[in-house]
Amino acid sequence: MELVRFYSSSISKSSVQLPAEEIHHLAGVRRLGRGDKVELFDGAGTLAIAEITAVSPRQVTLQVQEIQAIPRPAGPQIIIAVSVAKGSRFDWLIGKCTELGVDRISPLIFERTVKQPRNPKIIERWRNIAIAAAKQCRRIFLPQIDMPMPLQQGLEMLKKDFPQGRFLFGSLAVQALPLISIPFGSADVAAFVGPEGGFTEQEEAFLQNCGCQPVRLTDTILRTETAALAFAVILTAQRNRLAVI
């Protein structure tokens, strides 16, 4: 029987205290108590088995019994660089990309982006969503989630971080090749997804001038989160296929 998994940003061979969000999940939802064993992960490769030694409404203490460092999987990284969507739709996107194994999510602001993130704690919110999704799908490594930034700044950052990467963007242009027909290769892949109104002509020209390749997902117009998920599904499936060849 699998142990229930909880998140802790710091795991060592000693006692560990859970963050507030995890206390409610352990005591209030799972109703675990002293003497129960759980699994801990830090989102960066550390996995541990621990026993609950104390539970209160504001504090849970665990004693780590076994600890292991898991190496990050080899292979290309997949980055989804996507326009911020309205309401809960971007929360949904974060969760699903985490489940699929996307390595990095870069929220971008385009000319037609409707939602302009102003909450200074938005990254913390998105990270908590990713943690919840990782716990559910048993993922060891959390995706990196960047601060929202304009397209040009985001592209420059990703070009710097992935100098040998392959850069794609969604397009309905006739000359855009279907993504599913493009060989995956061994390079890191960053996929750019525009807002509801699509890229402006200037943005599309900017992406192409910077070496980004237009690709087609379907012949229909997709919502932002649907397009991002389609990129994530196809790219992670291709990567998984590459890993077993």
C-alpha atoms as a PDB file:
ATOM      1  CA  MET A   1       0.000   0.000   0.000  1.00  0.00           C
ATOM      2  CA  GLU A   2       1.397   3.382  -1.020  1.00  0.00           C
ATOM      3  CA  LEU A   3       2.029   5.891   1.733  1.00  0.00           C
ATOM      4  CA  VAL A   4       0.299   9.256   1.516  1.00  0.00           C
ATOM      5  CA  ARG A   5       2.720  11.840   0.180  1.00  0.00           C
ATOM      6  CA  PHE A   6       3.276  15.324   1.637  1.00  0.00           C
ATOM      7  CA  TYR A   7       5.495  18.237   0.659  1.00  0.00           C
ATOM      8  CA  SER A   8       8.292  19.759   2.704  1.00  0.00           C
ATOM      9  CA  SER A   9      10.786  22.237   1.273  1.00  0.00           C
ATOM     10  CA  SER A  10      13.487  20.977   3.629  1.00  0.00           C
ATOM     11  CA  ILE A  11      14.034  17.294   4.382  1.00  0.00           C
ATOM     12  CA  SER A  12      16.932  16.060   6.503  1.00  0.00           C
ATOM     13  CA  LYS A  13      17.737  13.027   8.643  1.00  0.00           C
ATOM     14  CA  SER A  14      16.020  14.515  11.674  1.00  0.00           C
ATOM     15  CA  SER A  15      12.644  15.935  12.599  1.00  0.00           C
ATOM     16  CA  VAL A  16      10.631  17.778   9.932  1.00  0.00           C
ATOM     17  CA  GLN A  17       7.749  20.210  10.382  1.00  0.00           C
ATOM     18  CA  LEU A  18       5.152  20.491   7.665  1.00  0.00           C
ATOM     19  CA  PRO A  19       4.053  23.826   6.176  1.00  0.00           C
ATOM     20  CA  ALA A  20       0.594  25.105   7.049  1.00  0.00           C
ATOM     21  CA  GLU A  21      -1.009  23.927   3.786  1.00  0.00           C
ATOM     22  CA  GLU A  22       0.144  20.362   4.410  1.00  0.00           C
ATOM     23  CA  ILE A  23      -1.005  20.311   8.063  1.00  0.00           C
ATOM     24  CA  HIS A  24      -4.642  20.617   6.983  1.00  0.00           C
ATOM     25  CA  HIS A  25      -4.218  17.868   4.393  1.00  0.00           C
ATOM     26  CA  LEU A  26      -2.570  15.493   6.885  1.00  0.00           C
ATOM     27  CA  ALA A  27      -4.708  16.088   9.975  1.00  0.00           C
ATOM     28  CA  GLY A  28      -7.971  17.477   8.610  1.00  0.00           C
ATOM     29  CA  VAL A  29      -8.376  15.595   5.314  1.00  0.00           C
ATOM     30  CA  ARG A  30      -6.427  12.365   5.774  1.00  0.00           C
ATOM     31  CA  ARG A  31      -6.972  12.279   9.540  1.00  0.00           C
ATOM     32  CA  LEU A  32      -3.530  10.834  10.194  1.00  0.00           C
ATOM     33  CA  GLY A  33      -2.057  10.900  13.673  1.00  0.00           C
ATOM     34  CA  ARG A  34       0.886  10.050  15.832  1.00  0.00           C
ATOM     35  CA  GLY A  35       2.610   6.809  14.802  1.00  0.00           C
ATOM     36  CA  ASP A  36       1.373   6.881  11.201  1.00  0.00           C
ATOM     37  CA  LYS A  37       3.960   6.758   8.448  1.00  0.00           C
ATOM     38  CA  VAL A  38       3.948   9.066   5.418  1.00  0.00           C
ATOM     39  CA  GLU A  39       6.106   9.887   2.440  1.00  0.00           C
ATOM     40  CA  LEU A  40       7.792  13.281   2.059  1.00  0.00           C
ATOM     41  CA  PHE A  41       9.161  14.984  -1.044  1.00  0.00           C
ATOM     42  CA  ASP A  42      10.805  18.361  -1.570  1.00  0.00           C
ATOM     43  CA  GLY A  43      10.162  18.753  -5.306  1.00  0.00           C
ATOM     44  CA  ALA A  44      13.890  18.689  -6.029  1.00  0.00           C
ATOM     45  CA  GLY A  45      14.676  14.982  -5.881  1.00  0.00           C
ATOM     46  CA  THR A  46      14.575  14.146  -2.172  1.00  0.00           C
ATOM     47  CA  LEU A  47      12.140  11.435  -1.130  1.00  0.00           C
ATOM     48  CA  ALA A  48      11.741  10.175   2.434  1.00  0.00           C
ATOM     49  CA  ILE A  49       9.665   7.971   4.704  1.00  0.00           C
ATOM     50  CA  ALA A  50       8.782   9.576   8.026  1.00  0.00           C
ATOM     51  CA  GLU A  51       6.719   8.810  11.117  1.00  0.00           C
ATOM     52  CA  ILE A  52       4.379  11.360  12.651  1.00  0.00           C
ATOM     53  CA  THR A  53       5.529  12.161  16.192  1.00  0.00           C
ATOM     54  CA  ALA A  54       3.259  15.098  17.100  1.00  0.00           C
ATOM     55  CA  VAL A  55       0.058  16.616  15.702  1.00  0.00           C
ATOM     56  CA  SER A  56      -1.690  19.834  16.651  1.00  0.00           C
ATOM     57  CA  PRO A  57      -3.917  22.253  14.723  1.00  0.00           C
ATOM     58  CA  ARG A  58      -0.910  24.436  13.916  1.00  0.00           C
ATOM     59  CA  GLN A  59       2.010  22.041  13.882  1.00  0.00           C
ATOM     60  CA  VAL A  60       2.886  18.572  12.631  1.00  0.00           C
ATOM     61  CA  THR A  61       6.263  17.077  13.443  1.00  0.00           C
ATOM     62  CA  LEU A  62       7.683  13.988  11.751  1.00  0.00           C
ATOM     63  CA  GLN A  63      10.786  11.890  12.306  1.00  0.00           C
ATOM     64  CA  VAL A  64      12.547  10.933   9.082  1.00  0.00           C
ATOM     65  CA  GLN A  65      13.383   7.220   8.987  1.00  0.00           C
ATOM     66  CA  GLU A  66      14.560   6.694   5.414  1.00  0.00           C
ATOM     67  CA  ILE A  67      15.808   9.233   2.917  1.00  0.00           C
ATOM     68  CA  GLN A  68      16.969   8.974  -0.679  1.00  0.00           C
ATOM     69  CA  ALA A  69      18.165  11.357  -3.366  1.00  0.00           C
ATOM     70  CA  ILE A  70      16.649  10.641  -6.762  1.00  0.00           C
ATOM     71  CA  PRO A  71      18.557  11.908  -9.828  1.00  0.00           C
ATOM     72  CA  ARG A  72      16.699  14.152 -12.220  1.00  0.00           C
ATOM     73  CA  PRO A  73      15.596  12.208 -15.316  1.00  0.00           C
ATOM     74  CA  ALA A  74      17.875  12.545 -18.309  1.00  0.00           C
ATOM     75  CA  GLY A  75      16.474  13.906 -21.537  1.00  0.00           C
ATOM     76  CA  PRO A  76      15.221  17.174 -23.010  1.00  0.00           C
ATOM     77  CA  GLN A  77      13.391  19.705 -20.891  1.00  0.00           C
ATOM     78  CA  ILE A  78       9.956  20.886 -21.990  1.00  0.00           C
ATOM     79  CA  ILE A  79       8.993  24.508 -21.399  1.00  0.00           C
ATOM     80  CA  ILE A  80       5.502  25.932 -21.911  1.00  0.00           C
ATOM     81  CA  ALA A  81       5.651  29.713 -22.376  1.00  0.00           C
ATOM     82  CA  VAL A  82       2.028  30.770 -22.312  1.00  0.00           C
ATOM     83  CA  SER A  83      -0.165  33.830 -22.060  1.00  0.00           C
ATOM     84  CA  VAL A  84      -1.772  34.280 -18.652  1.00  0.00           C
ATOM     85  CA  ALA A  85      -5.433  33.257 -18.848  1.00  0.00           C
ATOM     86  CA  LYS A  86      -8.377  34.607 -16.871  1.00  0.00           C
ATOM     87  CA  GLY A  87      -9.791  33.193 -13.654  1.00  0.00           C
ATOM     88  CA  SER A  88      -9.227  29.579 -12.699  1.00  0.00           C
ATOM     89  CA  ARG A  89      -8.202  28.574 -16.202  1.00  0.00           C
ATOM     90  CA  PHE A  90      -4.530  29.298 -15.569  1.00  0.00           C
ATOM     91  CA  ASP A  91      -4.692  27.401 -12.275  1.00  0.00           C
ATOM     92  CA  TRP A  92      -6.037  24.424 -14.239  1.00  0.00           C
ATOM     93  CA  LEU A  93      -3.225  24.802 -16.775  1.00  0.00           C
ATOM     94  CA  ILE A  94      -0.583  24.748 -14.018  1.00  0.00           C
ATOM     95  CA  GLY A  95      -2.024  21.569 -12.532  1.00  0.00           C
ATOM     96  CA  LYS A  96      -2.310  19.690 -15.818  1.00  0.00           C
ATOM     97  CA  CYS A  97       1.146  20.674 -17.053  1.00  0.00           C
ATOM     98  CA  THR A  98       2.535  19.458 -13.733  1.00  0.00           C
ATOM     99  CA  GLU A  99       0.765  16.119 -14.108  1.00  0.00           C
ATOM    100  CA  LEU A 100       2.106  15.660 -17.631  1.00  0.00           C
ATOM    101  CA  GLY A 101       5.724  16.317 -16.652  1.00  0.00           C
ATOM    102  CA  VAL A 102       6.380  19.786 -18.061  1.00  0.00           C
ATOM    103  CA  ASP A 103       9.674  21.048 -16.621  1.00  0.00           C
ATOM    104  CA  ARG A 104       9.045  24.791 -16.700  1.00  0.00           C
ATOM    105  CA  ILE A 105       6.055  27.088 -17.086  1.00  0.00           C
ATOM    106  CA  SER A 106       6.701  30.678 -18.154  1.00  0.00           C
ATOM    107  CA  PRO A 107       3.609  32.930 -17.866  1.00  0.00           C
ATOM    108  CA  LEU A 108       3.811  35.672 -20.496  1.00  0.00           C
ATOM    109  CA  ILE A 109       2.019  38.917 -21.180  1.00  0.00           C
ATOM    110  CA  PHE A 110       1.177  39.614 -24.825  1.00  0.00           C
ATOM    111  CA  GLU A 111      -0.503  42.650 -26.362  1.00  0.00           C
ATOM    112  CA  ARG A 112      -3.877  40.865 -26.270  1.00  0.00           C
ATOM    113  CA  THR A 113      -3.442  39.242 -22.867  1.00  0.00           C
ATOM    114  CA  VAL A 114      -6.554  40.138 -20.851  1.00  0.00           C
ATOM    115  CA  LYS A 115      -5.442  39.030 -17.396  1.00  0.00           C
ATOM    116  CA  GLN A 116      -2.585  41.102 -15.934  1.00  0.00           C
ATOM    117  CA  PRO A 117      -1.329  39.392 -12.732  1.00  0.00           C
ATOM    118  CA  ARG A 118      -1.041  41.958  -9.933  1.00  0.00           C
ATOM    119  CA  ASN A 119      -1.081  39.727  -6.863  1.00  0.00           C
ATOM    120  CA  PRO A 120       2.469  39.709  -5.424  1.00  0.00           C
ATOM    121  CA  LYS A 121       1.809  36.200  -4.075  1.00  0.00           C
ATOM    122  CA  ILE A 122       0.688  34.762  -7.418  1.00  0.00           C
ATOM    123  CA  ILE A 123       3.812  32.592  -7.787  1.00  0.00           C
ATOM    124  CA  GLU A 124       3.206  31.122  -4.333  1.00  0.00           C
ATOM    125  CA  ARG A 125      -0.374  30.317  -5.360  1.00  0.00           C
ATOM    126  CA  TRP A 126       0.729  28.654  -8.594  1.00  0.00           C
ATOM    127  CA  ARG A 127       3.451  26.726  -6.783  1.00  0.00           C
ATOM    128  CA  ASN A 128       0.921  25.373  -4.280  1.00  0.00           C
ATOM    129  CA  ILE A 129      -1.239  24.205  -7.185  1.00  0.00           C
ATOM    130  CA  ALA A 130       1.789  22.461  -8.699  1.00  0.00           C
ATOM    131  CA  ILE A 131       2.586  20.823  -5.340  1.00  0.00           C
ATOM    132  CA  ALA A 132      -0.974  19.488  -5.030  1.00  0.00           C
ATOM    133  CA  ALA A 133      -0.820  18.114  -8.583  1.00  0.00           C
ATOM    134  CA  ALA A 134       2.606  16.540  -7.989  1.00  0.00           C
ATOM    135  CA  LYS A 135       1.335  14.795  -4.862  1.00  0.00           C
ATOM    136  CA  GLN A 136      -1.639  13.402  -6.744  1.00  0.00           C
ATOM    137  CA  CYS A 137       0.358  12.122  -9.736  1.00  0.00           C
ATOM    138  CA  ARG A 138       3.379  10.977  -7.659  1.00  0.00           C
ATOM    139  CA  ARG A 139       5.761  13.314  -9.449  1.00  0.00           C
ATOM    140  CA  ILE A 140       9.128  13.812  -7.712  1.00  0.00           C
ATOM    141  CA  PHE A 141      10.363  17.045  -9.323  1.00  0.00           C
ATOM    142  CA  LEU A 142       8.243  20.191  -9.321  1.00  0.00           C
ATOM    143  CA  PRO A 143       8.152  22.355 -12.436  1.00  0.00           C
ATOM    144  CA  GLN A 144       9.849  25.736 -12.309  1.00  0.00           C
ATOM    145  CA  ILE A 145       7.260  28.512 -12.519  1.00  0.00           C
ATOM    146  CA  ASP A 146       8.541  31.913 -13.625  1.00  0.00           C
ATOM    147  CA  MET A 147       7.276  35.355 -12.750  1.00  0.00           C
ATOM    148  CA  PRO A 148       4.889  36.760 -15.403  1.00  0.00           C
ATOM    149  CA  MET A 149       6.753  38.957 -17.879  1.00  0.00           C
ATOM    150  CA  PRO A 150       6.345  40.505 -21.356  1.00  0.00           C
ATOM    151  CA  LEU A 151       6.979  38.334 -24.418  1.00  0.00           C
ATOM    152  CA  GLN A 152      10.300  39.908 -25.403  1.00  0.00           C
ATOM    153  CA  GLN A 153      11.727  39.601 -21.896  1.00  0.00           C
ATOM    154  CA  GLY A 154      10.490  36.030 -21.555  1.00  0.00           C
ATOM    155  CA  LEU A 155      11.972  34.933 -24.873  1.00  0.00           C
ATOM    156  CA  GLU A 156      15.306  36.538 -24.063  1.00  0.00           C
ATOM    157  CA  MET A 157      15.375  34.739 -20.711  1.00  0.00           C
ATOM    158  CA  LEU A 158      14.593  31.346 -22.220  1.00  0.00           C
ATOM    159  CA  LYS A 159      17.091  31.837 -25.058  1.00  0.00           C
ATOM    160  CA  LYS A 160      19.745  32.525 -22.428  1.00  0.00           C
ATOM    161  CA  ASP A 161      18.759  29.551 -20.272  1.00  0.00           C
ATOM    162  CA  PHE A 162      18.431  27.137 -23.218  1.00  0.00           C
ATOM    163  CA  PRO A 163      20.974  28.317 -25.826  1.00  0.00           C
ATOM    164  CA  GLN A 164      20.737  25.038 -27.755  1.00  0.00           C
ATOM    165  CA  GLY A 165      16.984  24.736 -27.356  1.00  0.00           C
ATOM    166  CA  ARG A 166      14.332  24.466 -30.023  1.00  0.00           C
ATOM    167  CA  PHE A 167      11.686  27.197 -29.961  1.00  0.00           C
ATOM    168  CA  LEU A 168       8.176  26.709 -31.352  1.00  0.00           C
ATOM    169  CA  PHE A 169       4.951  28.686 -31.423  1.00  0.00           C
ATOM    170  CA  GLY A 170       1.395  27.739 -32.301  1.00  0.00           C
ATOM    171  CA  SER A 171       0.130  28.922 -35.671  1.00  0.00           C
ATOM    172  CA  LEU A 172      -2.735  28.311 -38.109  1.00  0.00           C
ATOM    173  CA  ALA A 173      -0.640  29.442 -41.084  1.00  0.00           C
ATOM    174  CA  VAL A 174      -0.747  27.142 -44.100  1.00  0.00           C
ATOM    175  CA  GLN A 175       3.031  26.749 -44.064  1.00  0.00           C
ATOM    176  CA  ALA A 176       3.111  25.710 -40.381  1.00  0.00           C
ATOM    177  CA  LEU A 177       3.993  22.027 -40.073  1.00  0.00           C
ATOM    178  CA  PRO A 178       1.887  19.800 -37.782  1.00  0.00           C
ATOM    179  CA  LEU A 179       3.686  19.499 -34.453  1.00  0.00           C
ATOM    180  CA  ILE A 180       3.070  15.772 -34.328  1.00  0.00           C
ATOM    181  CA  SER A 181       5.033  15.280 -37.580  1.00  0.00           C
ATOM    182  CA  ILE A 182       8.182  17.061 -36.407  1.00  0.00           C
ATOM    183  CA  PRO A 183      11.015  14.818 -35.113  1.00  0.00           C
ATOM    184  CA  PHE A 184      11.496  15.435 -31.410  1.00  0.00           C
ATOM    185  CA  GLY A 185      15.280  15.134 -31.220  1.00  0.00           C
ATOM    186  CA  SER A 186      17.427  15.613 -28.120  1.00  0.00           C
ATOM    187  CA  ALA A 187      17.216  19.399 -27.705  1.00  0.00           C
ATOM    188  CA  ASP A 188      15.203  21.169 -25.017  1.00  0.00           C
ATOM    189  CA  VAL A 189      11.903  22.464 -26.422  1.00  0.00           C
ATOM    190  CA  ALA A 190      10.092  25.701 -25.575  1.00  0.00           C
ATOM    191  CA  ALA A 191       6.560  26.142 -26.921  1.00  0.00           C
ATOM    192  CA  PHE A 192       4.970  29.605 -27.052  1.00  0.00           C
ATOM    193  CA  VAL A 193       1.200  29.876 -26.710  1.00  0.00           C
ATOM    194  CA  GLY A 194      -0.570  33.162 -27.349  1.00  0.00           C
ATOM    195  CA  PRO A 195      -3.662  34.750 -25.747  1.00  0.00           C
ATOM    196  CA  GLU A 196      -7.318  34.299 -26.723  1.00  0.00           C
ATOM    197  CA  GLY A 197      -7.078  36.849 -29.518  1.00  0.00           C
ATOM    198  CA  GLY A 198      -3.934  35.233 -30.889  1.00  0.00           C
ATOM    199  CA  PHE A 199      -0.542  36.747 -31.583  1.00  0.00           C
ATOM    200  CA  THR A 200      -0.460  40.140 -33.245  1.00  0.00           C
ATOM    201  CA  GLU A 201       1.318  40.301 -36.602  1.00  0.00           C
ATOM    202  CA  GLN A 202       4.202  42.076 -34.878  1.00  0.00           C
ATOM    203  CA  GLU A 203       4.485  39.367 -32.200  1.00  0.00           C
ATOM    204  CA  GLU A 204       4.429  36.578 -34.760  1.00  0.00           C
ATOM    205  CA  ALA A 205       7.081  38.343 -36.838  1.00  0.00           C
ATOM    206  CA  PHE A 206       9.169  38.890 -33.709  1.00  0.00           C
ATOM    207  CA  LEU A 207       9.008  35.186 -32.803  1.00  0.00           C
ATOM    208  CA  GLN A 208      10.010  34.109 -36.296  1.00  0.00           C
ATOM    209  CA  ASN A 209      12.831  36.656 -36.500  1.00  0.00           C
ATOM    210  CA  CYS A 210      14.158  35.234 -33.214  1.00  0.00           C
ATOM    211  CA  GLY A 211      14.302  31.725 -34.630  1.00  0.00           C
ATOM    212  CA  CYS A 212      10.980  30.347 -33.393  1.00  0.00           C
ATOM    213  CA  GLN A 213       9.307  27.839 -35.715  1.00  0.00           C
ATOM    214  CA  PRO A 214       5.547  28.068 -36.374  1.00  0.00           C
ATOM    215  CA  VAL A 215       3.769  24.732 -35.833  1.00  0.00           C
ATOM    216  CA  ARG A 216       0.151  23.650 -36.084  1.00  0.00           C
ATOM    217  CA  LEU A 217      -1.692  21.720 -33.400  1.00  0.00           C
ATOM    218  CA  THR A 218      -5.091  21.418 -35.096  1.00  0.00           C
ATOM    219  CA  ASP A 219      -7.065  23.147 -37.820  1.00  0.00           C
ATOM    220  CA  THR A 220      -9.322  24.746 -35.219  1.00  0.00           C
ATOM    221  CA  ILE A 221      -8.803  27.775 -32.993  1.00  0.00           C
ATOM    222  CA  LEU A 222      -7.989  26.616 -29.473  1.00  0.00           C
ATOM    223  CA  ARG A 223      -8.362  28.407 -26.175  1.00  0.00           C
ATOM    224  CA  THR A 224      -5.100  29.338 -24.496  1.00  0.00           C
ATOM    225  CA  GLU A 225      -5.149  26.562 -21.903  1.00  0.00           C
ATOM    226  CA  THR A 226      -6.245  23.975 -24.492  1.00  0.00           C
ATOM    227  CA  ALA A 227      -3.358  24.864 -26.792  1.00  0.00           C
ATOM    228  CA  ALA A 228      -0.885  24.793 -23.905  1.00  0.00           C
ATOM    229  CA  LEU A 229      -2.145  21.374 -22.841  1.00  0.00           C
ATOM    230  CA  ALA A 230      -1.982  20.067 -26.419  1.00  0.00           C
ATOM    231  CA  PHE A 231       1.658  21.171 -26.652  1.00  0.00           C
ATOM    232  CA  ALA A 232       2.382  19.536 -23.288  1.00  0.00           C
ATOM    233  CA  VAL A 233       0.696  16.243 -24.231  1.00  0.00           C
ATOM    234  CA  ILE A 234       2.420  15.900 -27.601  1.00  0.00           C
ATOM    235  CA  LEU A 235       5.870  16.986 -26.427  1.00  0.00           C
ATOM    236  CA  THR A 236       5.913  14.873 -23.257  1.00  0.00           C
ATOM    237  CA  ALA A 237       4.614  11.846 -25.179  1.00  0.00           C
ATOM    238  CA  GLN A 238       7.378  12.273 -27.759  1.00  0.00           C
ATOM    239  CA  ARG A 239       9.960  12.603 -25.008  1.00  0.00           C
ATOM    240  CA  ASN A 240       8.663   9.471 -23.292  1.00  0.00           C
ATOM    241  CA  ARG A 241       8.817   7.599 -26.579  1.00  0.00           C
ATOM    242  CA  LEU A 242      12.401   8.781 -27.124  1.00  0.00           C
ATOM    243  CA  ALA A 243      13.354   7.508 -23.661  1.00  0.00           C
ATOM    244  CA  VAL A 244      12.352   3.905 -24.427  1.00  0.00           C
ATOM    245  CA  ILE A 245      13.824   3.639 -27.927  1.00  0.00           C
END
